[in-house]
Protein backbone atom coordinates (compact mmCIF):
# COMPACT_ATOMS: atom_id res chain seq x y z
CA MET A 1 -24.82 8.86 23.94
CA SER A 2 -22.70 4.98 23.33
CA ILE A 3 -20.03 4.82 25.69
CA GLY A 4 -18.19 2.27 22.81
CA GLU A 5 -17.29 -0.97 23.31
CA ALA A 6 -14.56 -2.95 25.42
CA VAL A 7 -12.87 -5.38 22.71
CA PRO A 8 -10.18 -7.65 22.84
CA TYR A 9 -6.56 -6.36 21.81
CA VAL A 10 -5.25 -7.90 18.60
CA PRO A 11 -1.45 -7.08 18.19
CA ARG A 12 -0.76 -5.09 14.64
CA GLY A 13 1.54 -7.58 12.29
CA ASN A 14 4.35 -6.20 10.47
CA CYS A 15 2.20 -5.73 7.31
CA THR A 16 5.02 -5.15 5.09
CA VAL A 17 3.97 -8.33 2.95
CA GLU A 18 0.26 -7.33 3.43
CA MET A 19 0.79 -3.54 2.04
CA ARG A 20 2.86 -4.75 -0.87
CA ARG A 21 -0.02 -7.14 -1.83
CA ARG A 22 -2.44 -5.20 -0.77
CA THR A 23 -4.11 -7.90 1.15
CA PRO A 24 -5.56 -6.76 4.55
CA THR A 25 -6.04 -8.89 6.87
CA ALA A 26 -7.36 -8.58 10.82
CA THR A 27 -3.94 -7.64 12.12
CA CYS A 28 -2.77 -5.69 8.94
CA PRO A 29 -6.46 -3.84 8.45
CA ARG A 30 -7.66 -1.59 5.96
CA CYS A 31 -7.63 2.36 6.36
CA GLN A 32 -11.15 2.43 5.41
CA GLU A 33 -13.62 -0.83 4.52
CA VAL A 34 -13.82 -0.30 1.07
CA ALA A 35 -12.51 -2.35 -2.00
CA GLY A 36 -9.11 -1.05 -2.97
CA ALA A 37 -8.45 0.88 0.16
CA GLY A 38 -5.20 -1.53 0.81
CA VAL A 39 -3.66 -2.13 4.04
CA CYS A 40 -3.47 1.11 6.36
CA PRO A 41 0.11 2.44 7.35
CA ALA A 42 1.01 1.91 11.05
CA PRO A 43 -0.10 4.71 13.14
CA GLY A 44 3.36 6.33 13.25
CA SER A 45 3.82 9.89 14.73
CA VAL A 46 -0.14 9.99 15.08
CA GLY A 47 0.14 7.43 17.56
CA LEU A 48 2.75 9.24 19.55
CA LEU A 49 0.84 12.16 19.69
CA ALA A 50 -2.00 10.64 20.55
CA LEU A 51 -0.80 9.53 23.75
CA GLU A 52 -0.55 13.34 25.12
CA PHE A 53 -4.12 13.55 25.33
CA HIS A 54 -6.50 12.29 28.01
CA GLN A 55 -8.66 10.13 26.06
CA VAL A 56 -8.81 9.34 22.05
CA PHE A 57 -12.51 9.16 20.64
CA VAL A 58 -12.95 7.65 16.95
CA LEU A 59 -15.95 8.86 14.94
CA CYS A 60 -17.11 5.66 12.66
CA MET A 61 -20.10 3.82 11.17
CA GLY A 62 -20.41 0.37 10.73
CA GLU A 63 -17.32 -1.82 9.10
CA THR A 64 -15.61 1.58 9.21
CA CYS A 65 -15.15 0.91 13.30
CA LEU A 66 -13.32 -2.51 12.59
CA ARG A 67 -9.77 -1.30 12.45
CA HIS A 68 -10.40 1.00 15.55
CA ARG A 69 -11.90 -1.55 17.89
CA THR A 70 -8.95 -4.28 17.39
CA GLY A 71 -5.27 -3.85 17.44
CA TYR A 72 -4.28 -1.24 14.97
CA TRP A 73 -3.47 1.12 17.53
CA PRO A 74 -0.41 0.73 19.93
CA PRO A 75 -1.53 -1.04 23.18
CA GLU A 76 -0.78 2.21 25.18
CA VAL A 77 -3.26 4.28 23.05
CA HIS A 78 -5.74 1.46 22.70
CA ARG A 79 -6.36 1.96 26.31
CA LYS A 80 -7.09 5.20 25.64
CA LEU A 81 -9.62 5.03 22.95
CA THR A 82 -13.50 4.86 22.97
CA VAL A 83 -15.28 4.06 19.44
CA PHE A 84 -18.30 5.80 18.61
CA ASP A 85 -20.67 4.41 15.95
CA ALA A 86 -22.54 7.51 14.19
CA GLY A 87 -25.61 5.13 13.65
CA ASP A 88 -25.90 4.29 17.47
CA MET A 89 -25.32 8.01 17.84
CA ASP A 90 -28.42 9.01 15.18
CA ARG A 91 -30.28 6.63 17.44
CA THR A 92 -29.18 8.30 20.72
CA LEU A 93 -29.87 11.84 19.05
CA SER A 94 -33.63 10.89 17.64
CA GLU A 95 -34.78 9.78 21.52
CA GLU A 96 -33.01 13.39 22.51
CA VAL A 97 -35.05 15.46 19.73
CA GLY A 98 -37.99 13.59 19.22
CA PRO A 99 -40.12 12.58 16.43
CA GLN A 100 -40.55 15.41 14.31
CA VAL A 101 -37.13 16.15 14.37
CA SER A 102 -36.07 12.81 13.65
CA ARG A 103 -38.15 12.81 10.84
CA LEU A 104 -36.70 16.18 9.59
CA LEU A 105 -33.21 14.47 10.21
CA ASN A 106 -34.40 11.23 8.60
CA ILE A 107 -32.97 9.35 12.01
CA GLY A 108 -34.44 6.60 14.44
CA SER A 109 -37.92 5.18 13.33
CA MET A 110 -38.31 7.79 11.13
CA THR A 111 -35.80 6.82 8.71
CA LYS A 112 -36.80 6.60 4.98
CA ARG A 113 -35.25 6.93 1.81
CA SER A 114 -35.50 10.43 0.01
CA ALA A 115 -35.88 11.07 -3.95
CA ASN A 116 -34.20 14.47 -3.08
CA PRO A 117 -30.12 13.85 -3.14
CA GLY A 118 -29.95 17.41 -2.00
CA ASP A 119 -31.96 16.52 1.37
CA ASN A 120 -29.45 13.72 1.84
CA LEU A 121 -26.33 15.67 1.53
CA LEU A 122 -27.96 18.48 3.55
CA ARG A 123 -28.87 15.73 6.65
CA HIS A 124 -25.53 14.02 6.17
CA ARG A 125 -23.87 17.43 6.92
CA VAL A 126 -25.52 18.08 9.94
CA LEU A 127 -25.81 14.71 11.39
CA ALA A 128 -21.86 14.85 11.11
CA MET A 129 -21.66 18.35 12.50
CA LEU A 130 -24.15 17.26 15.65
CA ALA A 131 -21.81 14.16 16.08
CA THR A 132 -18.72 15.86 16.28
CA LEU A 133 -20.01 18.54 18.61
CA GLN A 134 -20.97 15.71 20.44
CA LEU A 135 -18.07 14.10 21.16
CA VAL A 136 -16.63 17.09 22.36
CA VAL A 137 -19.75 17.40 24.94
CA GLU A 138 -19.31 13.69 25.78
CA ALA A 139 -15.42 14.80 26.71
CA LYS A 140 -16.79 17.59 28.66
CA ARG A 141 -19.38 15.07 30.60
CA ARG A 142 -16.29 12.61 31.38
CA GLY A 143 -14.25 15.92 32.74
CA LEU A 144 -11.61 14.99 30.41
CA GLN A 145 -8.54 17.92 30.42
CA SER A 146 -8.33 16.99 26.59
CA VAL A 147 -9.59 14.77 23.98
CA LEU A 148 -8.32 13.70 20.47
CA ILE A 149 -11.04 13.12 18.05
CA LEU A 150 -10.14 11.09 14.85
CA GLU A 151 -12.43 9.93 11.87
CA ALA A 152 -12.57 6.51 10.82
CA ASP A 153 -10.74 6.65 7.45
CA LEU A 154 -7.84 8.29 9.15
CA HIS A 155 -4.82 7.71 7.06
CA PRO A 156 -1.26 8.27 8.89
CA LEU A 157 1.35 9.60 6.88
CA SER A 158 3.89 7.00 8.57
CA ASN A 159 6.79 5.91 6.50
CA THR A 160 6.82 9.03 4.34
CA ARG A 161 8.90 12.27 4.67
CA TYR A 162 6.03 13.91 6.42
CA GLU A 163 5.99 11.53 9.66
CA LEU A 164 7.41 13.32 12.64
CA GLN A 165 10.50 12.13 14.25
CA PRO A 166 10.13 11.33 18.36
CA ASP A 167 12.06 14.38 19.06
CA ALA A 168 9.46 16.84 17.33
CA VAL A 169 6.58 15.20 18.81
CA ALA A 170 7.92 15.24 22.29
CA GLY A 171 8.84 19.18 20.99
CA ILE A 172 4.96 19.56 20.53
CA ALA A 173 3.88 17.97 23.65
CA ASP A 174 6.15 20.28 25.49
CA ALA A 175 4.73 23.48 24.01
CA LEU A 176 0.66 21.85 24.66
CA ARG A 177 1.85 21.54 28.19
CA SER A 178 3.70 25.23 28.69
CA ARG A 179 1.10 27.18 26.72
CA GLU A 180 -2.71 27.84 26.85
CA TRP A 181 -4.33 26.16 23.55
CA SER A 182 -7.80 25.31 22.67
CA VAL A 183 -7.24 23.29 19.36
CA LEU A 184 -4.79 21.27 17.77
CA ARG A 185 -5.45 19.86 14.25
CA LEU A 186 -2.71 17.34 12.88
CA GLY A 187 -4.01 17.36 9.24
CA GLY A 188 -6.03 19.47 7.19
CA GLN A 189 -6.79 20.64 3.62
CA PHE A 190 -5.60 24.42 3.26
CA TRP A 191 -7.99 25.62 0.65
CA HIS A 192 -6.39 28.26 -0.70
CA TYR A 193 -3.47 26.02 -1.48
CA SER A 194 -5.41 22.87 -2.97
CA TRP A 195 -4.82 21.50 -5.89
CA SER A 196 -3.30 23.69 -8.48
CA ARG A 197 -4.05 26.98 -6.37
CA GLN A 198 -1.06 29.10 -5.33
CA PRO A 199 -1.58 32.46 -4.05
CA ALA A 200 1.10 35.47 -4.89
CA ALA A 201 0.72 35.80 -0.62
CA CYS A 202 -0.43 34.15 2.20
CA PRO A 203 -4.33 34.80 1.93
CA THR A 204 -5.68 37.22 4.73
CA GLY A 205 -6.79 35.67 7.90
CA CYS A 206 -4.31 32.99 7.17
CA ALA A 207 -0.79 34.07 8.86
CA CYS A 208 -0.02 31.43 11.22
CA THR A 209 2.38 31.95 14.02
CA ALA A 210 5.04 29.87 14.95
CA VAL A 211 4.51 27.57 17.99
CA THR A 212 7.16 25.02 17.38
CA SER A 213 9.23 24.04 14.33
CA HIS A 214 6.57 21.93 13.29
CA THR A 215 3.41 23.46 14.38
CA CYS A 216 2.05 26.88 14.08
CA GLU A 217 -1.26 28.88 15.35
CA ILE A 218 -4.12 30.91 13.62
CA ARG A 219 -6.50 33.16 15.81
CA PRO A 220 -10.21 33.35 14.65
CA PRO A 221 -11.17 36.53 13.54
CA ALA A 222 -13.72 38.84 15.17
CA TRP A 223 -17.56 37.19 14.40
CA GLY A 224 -18.30 37.46 10.74
CA GLY A 225 -14.69 38.25 9.64
CA GLU A 226 -12.63 36.74 7.40
CA TYR A 227 -11.06 33.58 8.52
CA CYS A 228 -8.42 30.92 6.88
CA THR A 229 -10.33 28.13 4.95
CA VAL A 230 -8.81 24.92 6.36
CA LYS A 231 -11.50 21.94 5.60
CA ASP A 232 -11.07 18.62 6.65
CA SER A 233 -11.27 17.80 10.26
CA VAL A 234 -10.06 13.98 10.22
CA ALA A 235 -7.78 14.47 13.35
CA PHE A 236 -8.18 17.26 15.91
CA ALA A 237 -7.63 17.39 19.75
CA VAL A 238 -9.45 19.81 21.89
CA HIS A 239 -8.78 21.46 25.19
CA GLN A 240 -11.08 21.63 27.97
CA ARG A 241 -11.09 25.50 28.03
CA ALA A 242 -12.78 25.04 24.43
CA TYR A 243 -15.37 22.86 25.54
CA GLY A 244 -17.91 25.45 26.04
CA SER A 245 -17.92 26.61 22.33
CA PHE A 246 -18.81 23.32 21.16
CA ALA A 247 -21.56 22.95 23.25
CA SER A 248 -23.04 25.99 22.54
CA ALA A 249 -22.60 25.08 19.00
CA ARG A 250 -24.61 22.13 19.31
CA HIS A 251 -27.09 23.91 21.31
CA ARG A 252 -27.90 26.43 18.36
CA ALA A 253 -27.90 23.82 15.95
CA LEU A 254 -30.51 21.94 17.64
CA ARG A 255 -32.33 25.20 18.31
CA ALA A 256 -32.62 25.68 14.51
CA LEU A 257 -34.13 22.25 14.03
CA HIS A 258 -36.52 22.57 16.61
CA ARG A 259 -37.48 25.94 14.85
CA ALA A 260 -37.89 24.13 11.68
CA VAL A 261 -40.59 22.06 12.88
CA ARG A 262 -42.31 24.26 14.82
CA THR A 263 -43.35 26.60 11.69
CA GLU A 264 -44.28 23.00 10.04
CA ALA A 265 -41.48 23.55 7.31
CA SER A 266 -40.86 20.74 4.96
CA ALA A 267 -37.75 20.58 2.80
CA VAL A 268 -37.98 23.28 0.68
CA ASN A 269 -34.61 24.19 -1.68
CA GLY A 270 -32.74 21.99 0.68
CA THR A 271 -33.00 24.47 3.81
CA TRP A 272 -36.08 22.76 5.42
CA GLY A 273 -37.81 26.16 5.23
CA LEU A 274 -35.26 27.88 7.53
CA PRO A 275 -33.80 31.12 6.31
CA ALA A 276 -30.78 30.92 4.05
CA GLU A 277 -28.47 32.37 6.81
CA SER A 278 -28.99 29.60 9.06
CA PHE A 279 -26.54 27.55 6.46
CA ASP A 280 -24.32 30.25 5.36
CA GLY A 281 -20.25 29.73 5.76
CA ALA A 282 -19.24 28.98 9.32
CA TRP A 283 -21.41 31.95 11.03
CA GLY A 284 -24.72 30.15 10.58
CA GLU A 285 -26.32 27.83 12.89
CA LEU A 286 -26.38 24.72 11.21
CA PRO A 287 -22.64 24.81 9.15
CA TRP A 288 -20.24 22.81 7.95
CA PHE A 289 -18.28 21.68 10.84
CA ASP A 290 -14.82 21.75 9.18
CA MET A 291 -15.86 25.41 8.31
CA TRP A 292 -17.18 26.67 11.56
CA LEU A 293 -13.52 25.10 13.25
CA PRO A 294 -11.10 27.47 11.97
CA ALA A 295 -13.52 30.43 11.94
CA THR A 296 -14.03 30.22 15.64
CA GLN A 297 -11.26 28.11 17.14
CA PRO A 298 -7.81 29.33 17.84
CA SER A 299 -6.09 26.21 16.18
CA ILE A 300 -2.64 25.14 16.23
CA TYR A 301 -1.72 22.96 13.16
CA VAL A 302 0.78 20.60 12.52
CA LEU A 303 2.87 21.31 9.55
CA PRO A 304 3.18 19.20 7.29
CA SER A 305 -0.06 17.38 7.89
CA ILE A 306 0.67 13.74 9.41
CA ALA A 307 -2.78 12.68 8.82
CA VAL A 308 -5.25 13.00 5.83
CA GLN A 309 -8.59 10.81 4.70
CA GLN A 310 -8.04 8.18 3.12
CA THR A 311 -9.50 9.32 0.07
CA LYS A 312 -7.76 12.70 0.10
CA GLN A 313 -3.82 12.23 0.64
CA GLY A 314 -2.82 14.76 -2.11
CA ASP A 315 -4.28 17.24 1.04
CA VAL A 316 -0.96 16.97 2.56
CA GLN A 317 0.55 18.84 -0.65
CA SER A 318 -1.70 21.86 0.41
CA SER A 319 -0.48 21.96 3.92
CA VAL A 320 3.51 22.13 2.43
CA LYS A 321 2.83 25.03 0.52
CA PHE A 322 0.88 26.87 3.10
CA ALA A 323 3.66 26.48 5.26
CA VAL A 324 6.13 28.07 2.87
CA GLN A 325 3.99 31.36 2.28
CA CYS A 326 2.27 31.47 5.93
CA VAL A 327 4.14 30.36 8.78
CA VAL A 328 5.43 33.85 10.67
CA PRO A 329 7.70 33.87 13.53
CA SER A 330 6.51 34.19 17.01
CA GLN A 331 7.25 37.85 18.67
CA ARG A 332 8.60 35.99 21.19
CA ASP A 333 11.24 34.49 19.55
CA GLY A 334 14.45 36.76 18.75
CA PRO A 335 16.75 36.40 15.35
CA ASN A 336 18.82 33.68 17.24
CA SER A 337 16.34 31.86 19.27
CA THR A 338 15.43 28.28 18.33
CA ARG A 339 12.38 26.38 18.58
CA GLY A 340 11.43 22.63 19.30
């Protein structure tokens, strides 16, 4: 596991002119290192909330790491931050799993182009899941009480009506200190409310119990039950009480990959010769990570979202619509109670 790099801090500029003219600079960086990404908004309430966790891990690759390695984050957040380049993580993973699994995953010295786009998508999905789970394993190894994990293309919704005021951030922080929690999600695509979808009532499994005036919690269903589909894990925090679940999921995934090479299976219909149930939904050994997360972990959601992916900024609307139908009062709240 790469431990990240210590880099000199570069203070963020005012960026008003740069954002208007869409002219990123070293002190006003892009949200994502691709053409047209524009200058990233200030961290805003995401940066304030980041201070409540023991460390901040960023998962990125190549140029997408640049924003986080320099001065995008406020100094007090920057001191907590470690950047993990997925390329380095893949090389470390290759050493861990050996040449056969590396060949299956197309990593390390076994890297080669695949003519089958489905194979590439599957590999990307599995590698992304393994990398994200590994970051939580790393937090456990470091003995952290909590960790905030961010994806490289994080787009904070600062200077918008969705940004939290400092007192609301303080209310969330107080709630996290006064109650047991496992996962806190700063954003998400609430699938049932995405695009033009508008259910007549809150979908089964999505009732979200109010925690503060800006957060609510969904408990996972019994194994195999109907869960609330909340995709996009661009920003989420994990408490140490949940570390074991992430480590177990990674162990199961690696075990499935080793089983595939032991049977000398090659890529067959995008499943590497493994049974379809290994990939089904959130319950297989190799699921989409952002489907596994809500299906297995008690999760507190910040509503509306305060962070989205750069290329999926419209996802915040799904969180607004979700809040209207799915937030329910806490049983501890009386008719005259207030929440911070």
